[in-house]
């Protein structure tokens, strides 16, 4: 058939599979962006619970639902990786702080109990410390 004589219905039939494929890709990108953004928000909340920085403007273009480019996905994934690294740093810092706190408290308790046991022992022996 000649292209000039192809009906609109035939043209539509030829384009419909491509259109469906593009719609599916669009939905996949929307899901991908949404997933990355929700992970970013979750990590931001976890980090802010530990008293770290304020992340009000951290997710770029969060409200721009029309930008479904691979560049935007890459940017969001980069932000997610950076936040994940920072989260690990915050967790490590908290663990070091807690470990130091516990060690000093255990040491203080040991000193107190050791001193009291020496005092009691020395009192039995007639010595005062």
Protein backbone atom coordinates (compact mmCIF):
# COMPACT_ATOMS: atom_id res chain seq x y z
CA UNK A 1 0.00 0.00 0.00
CA UNK A 2 1.07 3.55 -0.62
CA UNK A 3 1.68 5.71 2.52
CA UNK A 4 -0.54 8.43 1.15
CA UNK A 5 -3.47 6.04 0.96
CA UNK A 6 -2.99 4.45 4.39
CA UNK A 7 -6.02 5.09 6.56
CA UNK A 8 -5.82 6.75 9.95
CA UNK A 9 -7.03 3.52 11.52
CA UNK A 10 -4.10 1.62 10.01
CA UNK A 11 -1.67 4.30 11.18
CA UNK A 12 -3.15 4.15 14.66
CA UNK A 13 -2.87 0.37 14.69
CA UNK A 14 0.79 0.64 13.71
CA UNK A 15 1.56 3.23 16.41
CA UNK A 16 -0.43 1.68 19.27
CA UNK A 17 2.20 -0.94 20.31
CA UNK A 18 4.88 1.74 20.46
CA UNK A 19 2.59 3.97 22.49
CA UNK A 20 1.88 1.16 24.96
CA UNK A 21 5.60 0.46 25.29
CA UNK A 22 6.28 4.12 26.04
CA UNK A 23 3.49 4.20 28.63
CA UNK A 24 4.94 1.14 30.33
CA UNK A 25 8.39 2.76 30.41
CA UNK A 26 6.88 5.92 31.85
CA UNK A 27 5.15 3.97 34.63
CA UNK A 28 8.36 2.09 35.38
CA UNK A 29 10.30 5.35 35.71
CA UNK A 30 7.62 6.84 37.93
CA UNK A 31 7.84 3.79 40.21
CA UNK A 32 11.64 3.93 40.19
CA UNK A 33 11.72 7.64 41.08
CA UNK A 34 9.07 7.18 43.74
CA UNK A 35 10.99 4.28 45.28
CA UNK A 36 14.27 6.23 45.43
CA UNK A 37 12.52 9.31 46.83
CA UNK A 38 10.82 7.29 49.56
CA UNK A 39 14.16 5.72 50.51
CA UNK A 40 15.74 9.18 50.65
CA UNK A 41 12.95 10.49 52.86
CA UNK A 42 13.21 7.47 55.16
CA UNK A 43 16.97 7.89 55.60
CA UNK A 44 16.58 11.67 56.10
CA UNK A 45 14.11 10.97 58.90
CA UNK A 46 16.43 8.41 60.48
CA UNK A 47 19.40 10.75 60.34
CA UNK A 48 17.42 13.71 61.69
CA UNK A 49 16.26 11.51 64.60
CA UNK A 50 19.92 11.20 65.55
CA UNK A 51 20.34 14.97 65.68
CA UNK A 52 22.28 15.40 62.49
CA UNK A 53 21.84 18.05 59.81
CA UNK A 54 18.53 19.45 58.65
CA UNK A 55 17.54 18.02 55.28
CA UNK A 56 14.67 20.27 54.20
CA UNK A 57 15.95 20.78 50.65
CA UNK A 58 17.79 17.54 50.19
CA UNK A 59 15.68 15.86 47.53
CA UNK A 60 16.02 17.94 44.42
CA UNK A 61 13.00 18.38 42.19
CA UNK A 62 10.76 16.33 44.46
CA UNK A 63 7.72 18.19 43.23
CA UNK A 64 8.65 18.01 39.53
CA UNK A 65 6.62 14.97 38.49
CA UNK A 66 7.15 15.68 34.79
CA UNK A 67 10.90 15.11 34.83
CA UNK A 68 11.25 11.36 34.30
CA UNK A 69 14.69 11.54 32.71
CA UNK A 70 17.41 9.04 33.44
CA UNK A 71 19.52 11.97 34.63
CA UNK A 72 16.98 12.74 37.36
CA UNK A 73 16.98 9.10 38.42
CA UNK A 74 20.79 9.13 38.52
CA UNK A 75 20.79 12.34 40.59
CA UNK A 76 18.32 10.88 43.06
CA UNK A 77 20.30 7.65 43.30
CA UNK A 78 23.45 9.68 43.98
CA UNK A 79 21.67 11.57 46.77
CA UNK A 80 20.48 8.24 48.17
CA UNK A 81 24.01 6.80 48.18
CA UNK A 82 25.37 9.93 49.91
CA UNK A 83 22.67 9.76 52.56
CA UNK A 84 23.31 6.05 53.09
CA UNK A 85 27.01 6.82 53.67
CA UNK A 86 26.13 9.58 56.09
CA UNK A 87 23.69 7.30 57.91
CA UNK A 88 26.49 4.78 58.43
CA UNK A 89 28.69 7.57 59.78
CA UNK A 90 26.00 8.72 62.19
CA UNK A 91 25.40 5.18 63.39
CA UNK A 92 29.13 4.61 63.92
CA UNK A 93 29.44 7.89 65.84
CA UNK A 94 26.49 6.93 68.06
CA UNK A 95 27.96 3.50 68.69
CA UNK A 96 31.34 4.96 69.64
CA UNK A 97 29.65 7.42 71.99
CA UNK A 98 27.57 4.66 73.61
CA UNK A 99 30.58 2.38 73.93
CA UNK A 100 32.61 5.12 75.63
CA UNK A 101 29.69 5.94 77.92
CA UNK A 102 29.28 2.30 78.92
CA UNK A 103 32.99 1.77 79.44
CA UNK A 104 33.29 4.78 81.71
CA UNK A 105 30.21 3.77 83.70
CA UNK A 106 31.45 0.20 84.09
CA UNK A 107 34.84 1.53 85.16
CA UNK A 108 33.20 3.87 87.70
CA UNK A 109 31.05 1.04 89.07
CA UNK A 110 34.10 -1.19 89.33
CA UNK A 111 36.03 1.51 91.17
CA UNK A 112 33.15 2.13 93.57
CA UNK A 113 32.59 -1.54 94.33
CA UNK A 114 36.30 -2.22 94.56
CA UNK A 115 36.80 0.74 96.92
CA UNK A 116 33.85 -0.35 99.07
CA UNK A 117 35.12 -3.92 99.27
CA UNK A 118 38.55 -2.64 100.30
CA UNK A 119 36.97 -0.43 102.94
CA UNK A 120 34.91 -3.32 104.33
CA UNK A 121 37.93 -5.65 104.28
CA UNK A 122 40.13 -3.05 105.95
CA UNK A 123 37.47 -2.34 108.58
CA UNK A 124 37.46 -6.02 109.47
CA UNK A 125 41.20 -5.89 109.76
CA UNK A 126 41.08 -2.70 111.82
CA UNK A 127 42.36 -0.33 109.13
CA UNK A 128 40.64 2.76 107.86
CA UNK A 129 41.23 3.99 104.34
